[in-house]
Amino acid sequence: MVGWMDDEALHRTLTEGRVTFWSRSRREYWRKGDTSGHHQYVKAVRLDCDGDALLIEVDQVGAACHTGERTCFQAGGDLGAVVGERPGD
């Protein structure tokens, strides 16, 4: 899944061992699983080379997506992009 974090959400994630996001629509912090029971326990947090994106490895309990799917990128389906090919050497 993809979520948005500010500095406080990142701090909570790094210090509590549970993934915390900032919900821009609800204007509040939320920990994945507090209402659904589908918790995300932090295994590792990595920062990308530009310092503007995180990869959080988790122990996922239950579904990651609010639709009940294990991943948020299954329900939307393939968008039919042209598959690129690297030029031959």
N, C-alpha and C. Protein backbone atom coordinates (compact mmCIF):
# COMPACT_ATOMS: atom_id res chain seq x y z
N MET A 1 0.84 -1.18 0.00
CA MET A 1 0.00 0.00 0.00
C MET A 1 0.88 1.23 0.00
N VAL A 2 0.29 2.36 -0.27
CA VAL A 2 1.00 3.63 -0.26
C VAL A 2 0.30 4.52 0.74
N GLY A 3 1.06 5.21 1.56
CA GLY A 3 0.49 6.13 2.53
C GLY A 3 1.36 7.36 2.63
N TRP A 4 0.82 8.40 3.24
CA TRP A 4 1.54 9.66 3.38
C TRP A 4 1.96 9.84 4.83
N MET A 5 3.19 10.30 5.03
CA MET A 5 3.71 10.57 6.37
C MET A 5 4.28 11.97 6.43
N ASP A 6 4.10 12.60 7.57
CA ASP A 6 4.85 13.81 7.87
C ASP A 6 5.91 13.41 8.89
N ASP A 7 6.65 14.39 9.43
CA ASP A 7 7.73 14.07 10.37
C ASP A 7 7.22 13.34 11.61
N GLU A 8 6.06 13.74 12.10
CA GLU A 8 5.51 13.10 13.31
C GLU A 8 5.10 11.65 13.04
N ALA A 9 4.47 11.40 11.91
CA ALA A 9 4.09 10.03 11.56
C ALA A 9 5.32 9.15 11.42
N LEU A 10 6.38 9.67 10.81
CA LEU A 10 7.62 8.91 10.70
C LEU A 10 8.22 8.65 12.07
N HIS A 11 8.23 9.66 12.93
CA HIS A 11 8.75 9.48 14.29
C HIS A 11 8.00 8.38 15.02
N ARG A 12 6.67 8.41 14.94
CA ARG A 12 5.86 7.38 15.60
C ARG A 12 6.17 5.99 15.03
N THR A 13 6.31 5.92 13.72
CA THR A 13 6.61 4.64 13.07
C THR A 13 7.96 4.09 13.54
N LEU A 14 8.97 4.97 13.59
CA LEU A 14 10.31 4.54 13.98
C LEU A 14 10.43 4.18 15.45
N THR A 15 9.61 4.79 16.30
CA THR A 15 9.76 4.58 17.74
C THR A 15 8.74 3.63 18.35
N GLU A 16 7.63 3.35 17.64
CA GLU A 16 6.59 2.50 18.21
C GLU A 16 6.51 1.10 17.58
N GLY A 17 7.15 0.91 16.41
CA GLY A 17 7.13 -0.40 15.78
C GLY A 17 5.85 -0.72 15.03
N ARG A 18 4.97 0.23 14.89
CA ARG A 18 3.73 0.11 14.11
C ARG A 18 3.72 1.25 13.09
N VAL A 19 3.23 0.96 11.89
CA VAL A 19 3.23 1.98 10.84
C VAL A 19 2.12 2.99 11.11
N THR A 20 2.50 4.27 11.14
CA THR A 20 1.58 5.37 11.36
C THR A 20 1.60 6.29 10.16
N PHE A 21 0.44 6.70 9.70
CA PHE A 21 0.31 7.61 8.56
C PHE A 21 -0.39 8.88 9.01
N TRP A 22 -0.28 9.92 8.19
CA TRP A 22 -1.09 11.12 8.35
C TRP A 22 -2.17 11.07 7.29
N SER A 23 -3.42 11.09 7.71
CA SER A 23 -4.54 11.10 6.78
C SER A 23 -4.87 12.54 6.43
N ARG A 24 -4.60 12.90 5.19
CA ARG A 24 -4.89 14.27 4.77
C ARG A 24 -6.39 14.52 4.69
N SER A 25 -7.16 13.49 4.35
CA SER A 25 -8.62 13.68 4.25
C SER A 25 -9.27 13.79 5.63
N ARG A 26 -8.81 12.95 6.57
CA ARG A 26 -9.39 12.99 7.92
C ARG A 26 -8.68 13.99 8.84
N ARG A 27 -7.52 14.44 8.39
CA ARG A 27 -6.69 15.39 9.15
C ARG A 27 -6.35 14.85 10.53
N GLU A 28 -5.89 13.58 10.54
CA GLU A 28 -5.47 12.96 11.81
C GLU A 28 -4.49 11.84 11.52
N TYR A 29 -3.73 11.48 12.55
CA TYR A 29 -2.83 10.34 12.44
C TYR A 29 -3.63 9.06 12.58
N TRP A 30 -3.19 8.03 11.87
CA TRP A 30 -3.84 6.74 12.03
C TRP A 30 -2.80 5.63 11.86
N ARG A 31 -2.95 4.63 12.71
CA ARG A 31 -2.11 3.44 12.62
C ARG A 31 -2.89 2.37 11.90
N LYS A 32 -2.28 1.81 10.89
CA LYS A 32 -2.92 0.75 10.12
C LYS A 32 -3.31 -0.37 11.09
N GLY A 33 -4.59 -0.72 11.09
CA GLY A 33 -5.06 -1.83 11.89
C GLY A 33 -5.79 -1.46 13.17
N ASP A 34 -5.73 -0.22 13.59
CA ASP A 34 -6.39 0.15 14.84
C ASP A 34 -7.90 -0.09 14.80
N THR A 35 -8.51 0.09 13.64
CA THR A 35 -9.94 -0.19 13.54
C THR A 35 -10.24 -1.49 12.80
N SER A 36 -9.38 -1.87 11.86
CA SER A 36 -9.64 -3.07 11.05
C SER A 36 -9.05 -4.34 11.64
N GLY A 37 -8.03 -4.20 12.49
CA GLY A 37 -7.32 -5.37 12.99
C GLY A 37 -6.24 -5.86 12.05
N HIS A 38 -6.08 -5.19 10.91
CA HIS A 38 -5.07 -5.57 9.91
C HIS A 38 -3.80 -4.75 10.15
N HIS A 39 -3.07 -5.12 11.17
CA HIS A 39 -1.91 -4.36 11.62
C HIS A 39 -0.71 -4.50 10.70
N GLN A 40 0.17 -3.49 10.76
CA GLN A 40 1.45 -3.54 10.09
C GLN A 40 2.53 -3.32 11.14
N TYR A 41 3.33 -4.37 11.38
CA TYR A 41 4.43 -4.29 12.33
C TYR A 41 5.72 -4.06 11.55
N VAL A 42 6.47 -3.04 11.95
CA VAL A 42 7.68 -2.63 11.24
C VAL A 42 8.76 -3.70 11.34
N LYS A 43 9.33 -4.05 10.18
CA LYS A 43 10.49 -4.94 10.13
C LYS A 43 11.74 -4.14 9.76
N ALA A 44 11.60 -3.19 8.85
CA ALA A 44 12.73 -2.34 8.42
C ALA A 44 12.18 -1.10 7.75
N VAL A 45 12.92 -0.01 7.85
CA VAL A 45 12.56 1.24 7.18
C VAL A 45 13.79 1.71 6.40
N ARG A 46 13.60 1.95 5.11
CA ARG A 46 14.69 2.40 4.25
C ARG A 46 14.30 3.71 3.57
N LEU A 47 15.28 4.60 3.47
CA LEU A 47 15.12 5.90 2.83
C LEU A 47 15.73 5.83 1.44
N ASP A 48 15.05 6.40 0.44
CA ASP A 48 15.61 6.37 -0.92
C ASP A 48 16.77 7.36 -1.05
N CYS A 49 17.46 7.30 -2.19
CA CYS A 49 18.68 8.09 -2.40
C CYS A 49 18.44 9.59 -2.40
N ASP A 50 17.23 10.04 -2.73
CA ASP A 50 16.90 11.47 -2.73
C ASP A 50 16.38 11.94 -1.37
N GLY A 51 16.07 11.01 -0.49
CA GLY A 51 15.55 11.37 0.82
C GLY A 51 14.11 11.82 0.80
N ASP A 52 13.36 11.42 -0.24
CA ASP A 52 11.97 11.88 -0.32
C ASP A 52 10.95 10.74 -0.38
N ALA A 53 11.40 9.51 -0.19
CA ALA A 53 10.47 8.38 -0.18
C ALA A 53 11.01 7.30 0.76
N LEU A 54 10.10 6.57 1.37
CA LEU A 54 10.47 5.49 2.28
C LEU A 54 9.95 4.17 1.75
N LEU A 55 10.67 3.12 2.05
CA LEU A 55 10.19 1.76 1.84
C LEU A 55 10.13 1.14 3.23
N ILE A 56 8.93 0.77 3.65
CA ILE A 56 8.76 0.16 4.96
C ILE A 56 8.39 -1.29 4.78
N GLU A 57 9.26 -2.17 5.24
CA GLU A 57 8.96 -3.60 5.21
C GLU A 57 8.20 -3.91 6.49
N VAL A 58 7.09 -4.64 6.34
CA VAL A 58 6.23 -4.91 7.48
C VAL A 58 5.89 -6.38 7.58
N ASP A 59 5.49 -6.76 8.78
CA ASP A 59 4.82 -8.03 9.01
C ASP A 59 3.34 -7.67 8.95
N GLN A 60 2.69 -8.02 7.84
CA GLN A 60 1.30 -7.64 7.60
C GLN A 60 0.35 -8.68 8.19
N VAL A 61 -0.54 -8.23 9.06
CA VAL A 61 -1.57 -9.10 9.62
C VAL A 61 -2.86 -8.79 8.89
N GLY A 62 -3.39 -9.74 8.15
CA GLY A 62 -4.62 -9.51 7.39
C GLY A 62 -4.36 -8.72 6.13
N ALA A 63 -5.41 -8.10 5.61
CA ALA A 63 -5.35 -7.36 4.35
C ALA A 63 -4.64 -6.02 4.52
N ALA A 64 -3.91 -5.61 3.50
CA ALA A 64 -3.29 -4.28 3.51
C ALA A 64 -4.26 -3.23 2.98
N CYS A 65 -5.12 -3.63 2.05
CA CYS A 65 -6.04 -2.69 1.40
C CYS A 65 -7.38 -2.61 2.14
N HIS A 66 -7.98 -1.44 2.13
CA HIS A 66 -9.28 -1.26 2.78
C HIS A 66 -10.38 -2.07 2.11
N THR A 67 -10.11 -2.57 0.88
CA THR A 67 -11.10 -3.39 0.18
C THR A 67 -11.07 -4.85 0.63
N GLY A 68 -10.09 -5.17 1.47
CA GLY A 68 -9.94 -6.55 1.94
C GLY A 68 -8.92 -7.35 1.16
N GLU A 69 -8.30 -6.75 0.15
CA GLU A 69 -7.26 -7.42 -0.64
C GLU A 69 -5.93 -7.37 0.12
N ARG A 70 -5.09 -8.35 -0.16
CA ARG A 70 -3.76 -8.40 0.47
C ARG A 70 -2.91 -7.20 0.05
N THR A 71 -3.11 -6.70 -1.18
CA THR A 71 -2.37 -5.55 -1.70
C THR A 71 -3.35 -4.52 -2.26
N CYS A 72 -2.95 -3.27 -2.24
CA CYS A 72 -3.79 -2.21 -2.81
C CYS A 72 -3.65 -2.12 -4.33
N PHE A 73 -2.75 -2.88 -4.91
CA PHE A 73 -2.49 -2.76 -6.34
C PHE A 73 -3.02 -3.94 -7.14
N GLN A 74 -4.01 -4.63 -6.61
CA GLN A 74 -4.59 -5.77 -7.29
C GLN A 74 -5.94 -5.40 -7.91
N ALA A 75 -6.75 -4.68 -7.18
CA ALA A 75 -8.13 -4.41 -7.59
C ALA A 75 -8.21 -3.52 -8.83
N GLY A 76 -7.27 -2.60 -9.01
CA GLY A 76 -7.32 -1.68 -10.14
C GLY A 76 -7.00 -2.32 -11.47
N GLY A 77 -6.31 -3.43 -11.45
CA GLY A 77 -5.98 -4.12 -12.69
C GLY A 77 -4.86 -3.45 -13.46
N ASP A 78 -4.46 -4.12 -14.51
CA ASP A 78 -3.39 -3.64 -15.38
C ASP A 78 -3.93 -2.51 -16.25
N LEU A 79 -3.19 -1.43 -16.39
CA LEU A 79 -3.63 -0.29 -17.18
C LEU A 79 -3.31 -0.43 -18.66
N GLY A 80 -2.67 -1.53 -19.06
CA GLY A 80 -2.41 -1.77 -20.47
C GLY A 80 -1.30 -0.93 -21.05
N ALA A 81 -0.30 -0.60 -20.26
CA ALA A 81 0.83 0.18 -20.76
C ALA A 81 1.63 -0.62 -21.79
N VAL A 82 2.20 0.09 -22.76
CA VAL A 82 3.10 -0.54 -23.71
C VAL A 82 4.34 -0.98 -22.94
N VAL A 83 4.74 -2.22 -23.15
CA VAL A 83 5.92 -2.75 -22.47
C VAL A 83 7.16 -2.31 -23.21
N GLY A 84 8.04 -1.61 -22.53
CA GLY A 84 9.26 -1.12 -23.14
C GLY A 84 10.30 -2.22 -23.29
N GLU A 85 11.10 -2.07 -24.32
CA GLU A 85 12.20 -3.03 -24.55
C GLU A 85 13.50 -2.27 -24.66
N ARG A 86 14.49 -2.78 -23.99
CA ARG A 86 15.82 -2.18 -24.03
C ARG A 86 16.45 -2.47 -25.39
N PRO A 87 17.07 -1.47 -26.00
CA PRO A 87 17.72 -1.72 -27.30
C PRO A 87 18.80 -2.79 -27.15
N GLY A 88 18.96 -3.58 -28.19
CA GLY A 88 19.97 -4.64 -28.18
C GLY A 88 21.38 -4.08 -28.11
N ASP A 89 22.27 -4.87 -27.58
CA ASP A 89 23.68 -4.43 -27.47
C ASP A 89 24.42 -4.66 -28.76
